[in-house]
């Protein structure tokens, strides 16, 4: 539902309709960001004392492209509408463009509320761990024992992934992972979440034999079925709850 996302009394953002003019402005904003980074001295981009990512003069120009031509504005913006589906895919294009600049990325839908600083978790279970990407789920019950604040124990190819919150760190095959994810958009598979589930879970998603068979999970990590160079895990349901819980 449209509205403000807040932490305490501070609004973090509002959900609004995506229009073509906004996409043009967004593309221009990335152009300006890219030019600014190229003119500056290579180094570490920080917020306060926390490094968000590193970049260099050799970075390729991010490719911010949008496949859709008709958002279906006449039908209105509602869950399940074409406009809504394409808006969810726009998020992937934006995150992929930022990722190409050399940053780790953390995505959070505007209807998400953070009650604590996620940085310690990100540092411990993503940046300093043998996993490339972590995602929230539609799960209702965690398999983690009390006091276990690690990644979700029930991480496997048979658990539905939710793209409301996810984190992808920089790794050699990261751009390829985003490319494969975006490749599902023109197949009419559904929204961005359906595409991601196909990439990670493969045949286990719906039984579709056109997709690769799933990999077995080991130590709370599973290889993406459509891109086995990507190691994926799930955020613990006990700490990253969804609206169903």
C-alpha atoms as a PDB file:
ATOM      1  CA  UNK A   1       0.000   0.000   0.000  1.00  0.00           C
ATOM      2  CA  UNK A   2       1.347   3.500  -0.787  1.00  0.00           C
ATOM      3  CA  UNK A   3       2.767   5.308   2.190  1.00  0.00           C
ATOM      4  CA  UNK A   4       5.853   6.279   4.090  1.00  0.00           C
ATOM      5  CA  UNK A   5       8.395   3.843   5.445  1.00  0.00           C
ATOM      6  CA  UNK A   6       9.766   5.064   8.751  1.00  0.00           C
ATOM      7  CA  UNK A   7      12.253   4.230  11.446  1.00  0.00           C
ATOM      8  CA  UNK A   8      11.242   6.024  14.591  1.00  0.00           C
ATOM      9  CA  UNK A   9       9.891   9.364  13.336  1.00  0.00           C
ATOM     10  CA  UNK A  10      12.110   9.575  10.282  1.00  0.00           C
ATOM     11  CA  UNK A  11      10.551   8.836   6.890  1.00  0.00           C
ATOM     12  CA  UNK A  12      12.893   6.724   4.773  1.00  0.00           C
ATOM     13  CA  UNK A  13      10.856   6.804   1.600  1.00  0.00           C
ATOM     14  CA  UNK A  14       7.482   6.475  -0.025  1.00  0.00           C
ATOM     15  CA  UNK A  15       6.107   4.064  -2.594  1.00  0.00           C
ATOM     16  CA  UNK A  16       5.002   5.738  -5.811  1.00  0.00           C
ATOM     17  CA  UNK A  17       4.170   4.872  -9.399  1.00  0.00           C
ATOM     18  CA  UNK A  18       7.029   4.541 -11.836  1.00  0.00           C
ATOM     19  CA  UNK A  19       6.565   6.653 -14.948  1.00  0.00           C
ATOM     20  CA  UNK A  20       8.623   6.841 -18.104  1.00  0.00           C
ATOM     21  CA  UNK A  21       9.826  10.338 -17.210  1.00  0.00           C
ATOM     22  CA  UNK A  22      11.132   9.000 -13.915  1.00  0.00           C
ATOM     23  CA  UNK A  23      13.088   6.306 -15.752  1.00  0.00           C
ATOM     24  CA  UNK A  24      14.690   8.947 -17.963  1.00  0.00           C
ATOM     25  CA  UNK A  25      15.643  11.018 -14.919  1.00  0.00           C
ATOM     26  CA  UNK A  26      17.054   7.915 -13.248  1.00  0.00           C
ATOM     27  CA  UNK A  27      19.145   7.078 -16.287  1.00  0.00           C
ATOM     28  CA  UNK A  28      20.503  10.641 -16.367  1.00  0.00           C
ATOM     29  CA  UNK A  29      21.299  10.442 -12.652  1.00  0.00           C
ATOM     30  CA  UNK A  30      23.446   7.362 -13.245  1.00  0.00           C
ATOM     31  CA  UNK A  31      25.187   9.155 -16.124  1.00  0.00           C
ATOM     32  CA  UNK A  32      26.079  12.019 -13.764  1.00  0.00           C
ATOM     33  CA  UNK A  33      27.215   9.619 -11.038  1.00  0.00           C
ATOM     34  CA  UNK A  34      29.408   7.730 -13.480  1.00  0.00           C
ATOM     35  CA  UNK A  35      31.033  10.943 -14.741  1.00  0.00           C
ATOM     36  CA  UNK A  36      31.648  12.159 -11.190  1.00  0.00           C
ATOM     37  CA  UNK A  37      33.336   8.908 -10.200  1.00  0.00           C
ATOM     38  CA  UNK A  38      35.571   8.949 -13.273  1.00  0.00           C
ATOM     39  CA  UNK A  39      36.715  12.512 -12.586  1.00  0.00           C
ATOM     40  CA  UNK A  40      37.471  11.864  -8.917  1.00  0.00           C
ATOM     41  CA  UNK A  41      40.465  10.103  -7.408  1.00  0.00           C
ATOM     42  CA  UNK A  42      39.988   6.320  -7.126  1.00  0.00           C
ATOM     43  CA  UNK A  43      39.331   5.219  -3.577  1.00  0.00           C
ATOM     44  CA  UNK A  44      36.692   4.071  -1.146  1.00  0.00           C
ATOM     45  CA  UNK A  45      33.195   5.488  -1.058  1.00  0.00           C
ATOM     46  CA  UNK A  46      32.002   5.843   2.519  1.00  0.00           C
ATOM     47  CA  UNK A  47      29.070   6.917   4.602  1.00  0.00           C
ATOM     48  CA  UNK A  48      30.304   8.093   7.959  1.00  0.00           C
ATOM     49  CA  UNK A  49      33.119   5.665   8.754  1.00  0.00           C
ATOM     50  CA  UNK A  50      31.646   2.710   6.897  1.00  0.00           C
ATOM     51  CA  UNK A  51      33.001   1.770   3.477  1.00  0.00           C
ATOM     52  CA  UNK A  52      30.148   1.036   1.090  1.00  0.00           C
ATOM     53  CA  UNK A  53      32.277  -0.103  -1.802  1.00  0.00           C
ATOM     54  CA  UNK A  54      35.404   0.474  -3.817  1.00  0.00           C
ATOM     55  CA  UNK A  55      35.668   1.714  -7.355  1.00  0.00           C
ATOM     56  CA  UNK A  56      38.390   2.476  -9.876  1.00  0.00           C
ATOM     57  CA  UNK A  57      38.937   4.438 -13.070  1.00  0.00           C
ATOM     58  CA  UNK A  58      38.684   1.196 -15.055  1.00  0.00           C
ATOM     59  CA  UNK A  59      35.004   0.658 -14.214  1.00  0.00           C
ATOM     60  CA  UNK A  60      32.789   0.062 -17.185  1.00  0.00           C
ATOM     61  CA  UNK A  61      29.830   2.331 -17.748  1.00  0.00           C
ATOM     62  CA  UNK A  62      26.740   0.836 -16.067  1.00  0.00           C
ATOM     63  CA  UNK A  63      24.067  -0.401 -18.435  1.00  0.00           C
ATOM     64  CA  UNK A  64      20.715   0.886 -17.224  1.00  0.00           C
ATOM     65  CA  UNK A  65      18.210  -0.522 -19.683  1.00  0.00           C
ATOM     66  CA  UNK A  66      14.515  -1.190 -19.388  1.00  0.00           C
ATOM     67  CA  UNK A  67      12.883  -3.822 -21.562  1.00  0.00           C
ATOM     68  CA  UNK A  68       9.254  -2.784 -21.271  1.00  0.00           C
ATOM     69  CA  UNK A  69       7.686  -0.356 -23.713  1.00  0.00           C
ATOM     70  CA  UNK A  70       4.091  -0.571 -22.516  1.00  0.00           C
ATOM     71  CA  UNK A  71       3.568  -0.364 -18.777  1.00  0.00           C
ATOM     72  CA  UNK A  72      -0.166  -0.892 -19.145  1.00  0.00           C
ATOM     73  CA  UNK A  73      -0.975   2.385 -17.412  1.00  0.00           C
ATOM     74  CA  UNK A  74      -4.589   2.202 -18.586  1.00  0.00           C
ATOM     75  CA  UNK A  75      -5.279  -0.768 -16.327  1.00  0.00           C
ATOM     76  CA  UNK A  76      -4.010   1.115 -13.294  1.00  0.00           C
ATOM     77  CA  UNK A  77      -1.284   0.241 -10.833  1.00  0.00           C
ATOM     78  CA  UNK A  78      -2.289  -2.782  -8.787  1.00  0.00           C
ATOM     79  CA  UNK A  79      -0.713  -6.013  -7.578  1.00  0.00           C
ATOM     80  CA  UNK A  80      -0.454  -8.394 -10.525  1.00  0.00           C
ATOM     81  CA  UNK A  81      -0.943  -5.723 -13.190  1.00  0.00           C
ATOM     82  CA  UNK A  82       1.535  -5.387 -16.042  1.00  0.00           C
ATOM     83  CA  UNK A  83       2.573  -1.997 -14.677  1.00  0.00           C
ATOM     84  CA  UNK A  84       3.279  -3.574 -11.297  1.00  0.00           C
ATOM     85  CA  UNK A  85       5.247  -6.481 -12.820  1.00  0.00           C
ATOM     86  CA  UNK A  86       7.445  -4.189 -14.885  1.00  0.00           C
ATOM     87  CA  UNK A  87       8.027  -1.950 -11.874  1.00  0.00           C
ATOM     88  CA  UNK A  88       9.382  -4.931  -9.933  1.00  0.00           C
ATOM     89  CA  UNK A  89      11.796  -5.667 -12.789  1.00  0.00           C
ATOM     90  CA  UNK A  90      12.909  -2.022 -12.841  1.00  0.00           C
ATOM     91  CA  UNK A  91      14.296  -2.581  -9.347  1.00  0.00           C
ATOM     92  CA  UNK A  92      16.548  -5.331 -10.686  1.00  0.00           C
ATOM     93  CA  UNK A  93      17.840  -3.117 -13.493  1.00  0.00           C
ATOM     94  CA  UNK A  94      18.644  -0.331 -11.035  1.00  0.00           C
ATOM     95  CA  UNK A  95      20.429  -2.659  -8.602  1.00  0.00           C
ATOM     96  CA  UNK A  96      22.381  -4.258 -11.451  1.00  0.00           C
ATOM     97  CA  UNK A  97      23.522  -0.815 -12.650  1.00  0.00           C
ATOM     98  CA  UNK A  98      24.728   0.134  -9.159  1.00  0.00           C
ATOM     99  CA  UNK A  99      26.418  -3.267  -8.832  1.00  0.00           C
ATOM    100  CA  UNK A 100      28.318  -2.673 -12.099  1.00  0.00           C
ATOM    101  CA  UNK A 101      29.870   0.393 -10.470  1.00  0.00           C
ATOM    102  CA  UNK A 102      31.636  -1.900  -8.024  1.00  0.00           C
ATOM    103  CA  UNK A 103      29.411  -1.621  -4.969  1.00  0.00           C
ATOM    104  CA  UNK A 104      27.986  -4.299  -2.734  1.00  0.00           C
ATOM    105  CA  UNK A 105      24.207  -3.796  -2.910  1.00  0.00           C
ATOM    106  CA  UNK A 106      21.485  -4.051  -0.290  1.00  0.00           C
ATOM    107  CA  UNK A 107      17.906  -3.853  -1.540  1.00  0.00           C
ATOM    108  CA  UNK A 108      14.975  -3.112   0.728  1.00  0.00           C
ATOM    109  CA  UNK A 109      11.410  -2.581  -0.503  1.00  0.00           C
ATOM    110  CA  UNK A 110       9.792   0.665   0.618  1.00  0.00           C
ATOM    111  CA  UNK A 111       7.293  -1.240   2.764  1.00  0.00           C
ATOM    112  CA  UNK A 112      10.142  -2.658   4.855  1.00  0.00           C
ATOM    113  CA  UNK A 113      10.844  -1.349   8.343  1.00  0.00           C
ATOM    114  CA  UNK A 114      14.272  -1.789   9.962  1.00  0.00           C
ATOM    115  CA  UNK A 115      14.279  -2.005  13.742  1.00  0.00           C
ATOM    116  CA  UNK A 116      18.040  -2.515  14.100  1.00  0.00           C
ATOM    117  CA  UNK A 117      21.213  -1.736  12.193  1.00  0.00           C
ATOM    118  CA  UNK A 118      21.739  -4.571   9.657  1.00  0.00           C
ATOM    119  CA  UNK A 119      25.431  -3.755   9.138  1.00  0.00           C
ATOM    120  CA  UNK A 120      26.821  -6.238  11.721  1.00  0.00           C
ATOM    121  CA  UNK A 121      24.798  -9.038  10.127  1.00  0.00           C
ATOM    122  CA  UNK A 122      25.913  -8.051   6.628  1.00  0.00           C
ATOM    123  CA  UNK A 123      29.548  -7.948   7.687  1.00  0.00           C
ATOM    124  CA  UNK A 124      29.448 -11.282   9.479  1.00  0.00           C
ATOM    125  CA  UNK A 125      27.232 -13.373   7.221  1.00  0.00           C
ATOM    126  CA  UNK A 126      27.829 -11.898   3.763  1.00  0.00           C
ATOM    127  CA  UNK A 127      31.021  -9.890   3.364  1.00  0.00           C
ATOM    128  CA  UNK A 128      33.123 -12.260   5.486  1.00  0.00           C
ATOM    129  CA  UNK A 129      31.378 -15.491   4.553  1.00  0.00           C
ATOM    130  CA  UNK A 130      31.463 -18.050   1.728  1.00  0.00           C
ATOM    131  CA  UNK A 131      28.215 -16.846   0.196  1.00  0.00           C
ATOM    132  CA  UNK A 132      27.556 -14.324  -2.564  1.00  0.00           C
ATOM    133  CA  UNK A 133      23.930 -13.338  -2.066  1.00  0.00           C
ATOM    134  CA  UNK A 134      21.332 -13.631   0.691  1.00  0.00           C
ATOM    135  CA  UNK A 135      17.577 -13.214   0.256  1.00  0.00           C
ATOM    136  CA  UNK A 136      14.477 -13.025   2.422  1.00  0.00           C
ATOM    137  CA  UNK A 137      11.834 -15.742   2.149  1.00  0.00           C
ATOM    138  CA  UNK A 138       8.091 -16.344   2.341  1.00  0.00           C
ATOM    139  CA  UNK A 139       8.682 -18.769   5.201  1.00  0.00           C
ATOM    140  CA  UNK A 140       6.630 -18.595   8.375  1.00  0.00           C
ATOM    141  CA  UNK A 141       8.792 -20.573  10.795  1.00  0.00           C
ATOM    142  CA  UNK A 142      12.552 -20.577  11.235  1.00  0.00           C
ATOM    143  CA  UNK A 143      14.528 -23.778  11.688  1.00  0.00           C
ATOM    144  CA  UNK A 144      17.240 -21.918  13.593  1.00  0.00           C
ATOM    145  CA  UNK A 145      17.539 -22.867  17.247  1.00  0.00           C
ATOM    146  CA  UNK A 146      17.122 -20.120  19.898  1.00  0.00           C
ATOM    147  CA  UNK A 147      20.281 -18.041  19.985  1.00  0.00           C
ATOM    148  CA  UNK A 148      21.283 -19.022  16.448  1.00  0.00           C
ATOM    149  CA  UNK A 149      21.521 -15.693  14.597  1.00  0.00           C
ATOM    150  CA  UNK A 150      23.179 -17.108  11.525  1.00  0.00           C
ATOM    151  CA  UNK A 151      21.785 -17.705   8.053  1.00  0.00           C
ATOM    152  CA  UNK A 152      18.570 -19.710   7.794  1.00  0.00           C
ATOM    153  CA  UNK A 153      19.039 -23.434   8.503  1.00  0.00           C
ATOM    154  CA  UNK A 154      16.307 -24.411   6.036  1.00  0.00           C
ATOM    155  CA  UNK A 155      18.135 -22.828   3.102  1.00  0.00           C
ATOM    156  CA  UNK A 156      17.474 -25.101   0.123  1.00  0.00           C
ATOM    157  CA  UNK A 157      16.032 -25.089  -3.385  1.00  0.00           C
ATOM    158  CA  UNK A 158      12.549 -25.904  -2.082  1.00  0.00           C
ATOM    159  CA  UNK A 159      12.019 -22.734  -0.044  1.00  0.00           C
ATOM    160  CA  UNK A 160      10.336 -19.815  -1.812  1.00  0.00           C
ATOM    161  CA  UNK A 161      12.573 -16.752  -2.095  1.00  0.00           C
ATOM    162  CA  UNK A 162      11.178 -13.261  -1.534  1.00  0.00           C
ATOM    163  CA  UNK A 163      12.861 -10.213  -3.090  1.00  0.00           C
ATOM    164  CA  UNK A 164      11.637  -7.762  -0.455  1.00  0.00           C
ATOM    165  CA  UNK A 165      15.075  -7.672   1.146  1.00  0.00           C
ATOM    166  CA  UNK A 166      18.298  -9.013  -0.333  1.00  0.00           C
ATOM    167  CA  UNK A 167      22.026  -8.385  -0.363  1.00  0.00           C
ATOM    168  CA  UNK A 168      24.575  -9.181  -3.072  1.00  0.00           C
ATOM    169  CA  UNK A 169      28.273  -8.681  -2.504  1.00  0.00           C
ATOM    170  CA  UNK A 170      30.900  -8.057  -5.146  1.00  0.00           C
ATOM    171  CA  UNK A 171      32.314 -11.286  -6.587  1.00  0.00           C
ATOM    172  CA  UNK A 172      33.810 -12.163 -10.002  1.00  0.00           C
ATOM    173  CA  UNK A 173      30.593 -13.578 -11.465  1.00  0.00           C
ATOM    174  CA  UNK A 174      28.150 -11.124  -9.932  1.00  0.00           C
ATOM    175  CA  UNK A 175      27.404  -9.181 -13.109  1.00  0.00           C
ATOM    176  CA  UNK A 176      26.685 -12.440 -14.917  1.00  0.00           C
ATOM    177  CA  UNK A 177      24.278 -13.435 -12.143  1.00  0.00           C
ATOM    178  CA  UNK A 178      22.286 -10.216 -12.609  1.00  0.00           C
ATOM    179  CA  UNK A 179      22.384 -10.685 -16.390  1.00  0.00           C
ATOM    180  CA  UNK A 180      20.862 -14.162 -16.114  1.00  0.00           C
ATOM    181  CA  UNK A 181      18.242 -12.900 -13.667  1.00  0.00           C
ATOM    182  CA  UNK A 182      17.225 -10.076 -16.042  1.00  0.00           C
ATOM    183  CA  UNK A 183      17.080 -12.513 -18.964  1.00  0.00           C
ATOM    184  CA  UNK A 184      13.909 -14.008 -17.487  1.00  0.00           C
ATOM    185  CA  UNK A 185      11.989 -10.731 -17.801  1.00  0.00           C
ATOM    186  CA  UNK A 186      11.061 -11.085 -21.505  1.00  0.00           C
ATOM    187  CA  UNK A 187      10.032 -14.734 -21.006  1.00  0.00           C
ATOM    188  CA  UNK A 188       6.831 -13.603 -19.259  1.00  0.00           C
ATOM    189  CA  UNK A 189       7.677 -15.750 -16.255  1.00  0.00           C
ATOM    190  CA  UNK A 190       6.073 -13.147 -13.990  1.00  0.00           C
ATOM    191  CA  UNK A 191       7.593 -10.512 -11.728  1.00  0.00           C
ATOM    192  CA  UNK A 192      11.190 -10.177 -10.558  1.00  0.00           C
ATOM    193  CA  UNK A 193      10.680 -12.636  -7.709  1.00  0.00           C
ATOM    194  CA  UNK A 194       9.523 -15.364 -10.089  1.00  0.00           C
ATOM    195  CA  UNK A 195      12.619 -14.757 -12.196  1.00  0.00           C
ATOM    196  CA  UNK A 196      14.921 -15.014  -9.199  1.00  0.00           C
ATOM    197  CA  UNK A 197      13.298 -18.217  -7.962  1.00  0.00           C
ATOM    198  CA  UNK A 198      13.839 -19.711 -11.413  1.00  0.00           C
ATOM    199  CA  UNK A 199      17.515 -18.723 -11.388  1.00  0.00           C
ATOM    200  CA  UNK A 200      18.238 -20.055  -7.897  1.00  0.00           C
ATOM    201  CA  UNK A 201      15.820 -22.980  -7.540  1.00  0.00           C
ATOM    202  CA  UNK A 202      15.585 -24.114 -11.153  1.00  0.00           C
ATOM    203  CA  UNK A 203      13.273 -27.063 -11.727  1.00  0.00           C
ATOM    204  CA  UNK A 204      12.402 -27.145  -8.025  1.00  0.00           C
ATOM    205  CA  UNK A 205      10.429 -23.923  -8.447  1.00  0.00           C
ATOM    206  CA  UNK A 206       7.515 -25.363 -10.445  1.00  0.00           C
ATOM    207  CA  UNK A 207       8.777 -28.647 -11.869  1.00  0.00           C
ATOM    208  CA  UNK A 208       9.549 -27.027 -15.216  1.00  0.00           C
ATOM    209  CA  UNK A 209      11.920 -29.411 -17.028  1.00  0.00           C
ATOM    210  CA  UNK A 210      13.239 -26.535 -19.129  1.00  0.00           C
ATOM    211  CA  UNK A 211      15.096 -25.300 -16.057  1.00  0.00           C
ATOM    212  CA  UNK A 212      18.183 -26.940 -14.596  1.00  0.00           C
ATOM    213  CA  UNK A 213      17.716 -29.391 -11.717  1.00  0.00           C
ATOM    214  CA  UNK A 214      18.337 -27.887  -8.274  1.00  0.00           C
ATOM    215  CA  UNK A 215      21.551 -28.274  -6.308  1.00  0.00           C
ATOM    216  CA  UNK A 216      21.629 -29.787  -2.840  1.00  0.00           C
ATOM    217  CA  UNK A 217      22.218 -27.294  -0.051  1.00  0.00           C
ATOM    218  CA  UNK A 218      25.325 -27.606   2.111  1.00  0.00           C
ATOM    219  CA  UNK A 219      26.031 -25.667   5.288  1.00  0.00           C
ATOM    220  CA  UNK A 220      23.075 -23.318   4.713  1.00  0.00           C
ATOM    221  CA  UNK A 221      24.245 -22.463   1.190  1.00  0.00           C
ATOM    222  CA  UNK A 222      22.877 -23.603  -2.165  1.00  0.00           C
ATOM    223  CA  UNK A 223      24.303 -23.054  -5.655  1.00  0.00           C
ATOM    224  CA  UNK A 224      21.997 -21.267  -8.085  1.00  0.00           C
ATOM    225  CA  UNK A 225      20.554 -23.802 -10.526  1.00  0.00           C
ATOM    226  CA  UNK A 226      20.895 -21.536 -13.562  1.00  0.00           C
ATOM    227  CA  UNK A 227      24.266 -20.092 -12.470  1.00  0.00           C
ATOM    228  CA  UNK A 228      26.227 -22.533 -10.333  1.00  0.00           C
ATOM    229  CA  UNK A 229      29.024 -20.023  -9.709  1.00  0.00           C
ATOM    230  CA  UNK A 230      26.675 -18.114  -7.416  1.00  0.00           C
ATOM    231  CA  UNK A 231      26.298 -19.264  -3.804  1.00  0.00           C
ATOM    232  CA  UNK A 232      22.997 -18.266  -2.243  1.00  0.00           C
ATOM    233  CA  UNK A 233      21.616 -18.383   1.279  1.00  0.00           C
ATOM    234  CA  UNK A 234      18.451 -17.223   3.005  1.00  0.00           C
ATOM    235  CA  UNK A 235      18.020 -14.607   5.701  1.00  0.00           C
ATOM    236  CA  UNK A 236      16.864 -16.135   9.001  1.00  0.00           C
ATOM    237  CA  UNK A 237      13.086 -15.885   9.317  1.00  0.00           C
ATOM    238  CA  UNK A 238      13.480 -15.224  13.037  1.00  0.00           C
ATOM    239  CA  UNK A 239      15.256 -11.933  12.268  1.00  0.00           C
ATOM    240  CA  UNK A 240      13.924 -10.979   8.820  1.00  0.00           C
ATOM    241  CA  UNK A 241      10.204 -11.608   9.128  1.00  0.00           C
ATOM    242  CA  UNK A 242       7.669 -11.004   6.357  1.00  0.00           C
ATOM    243  CA  UNK A 243       4.076  -9.800   6.384  1.00  0.00           C
ATOM    244  CA  UNK A 244       2.786 -13.381   6.641  1.00  0.00           C
ATOM    245  CA  UNK A 245       4.507 -13.867   9.975  1.00  0.00           C
END
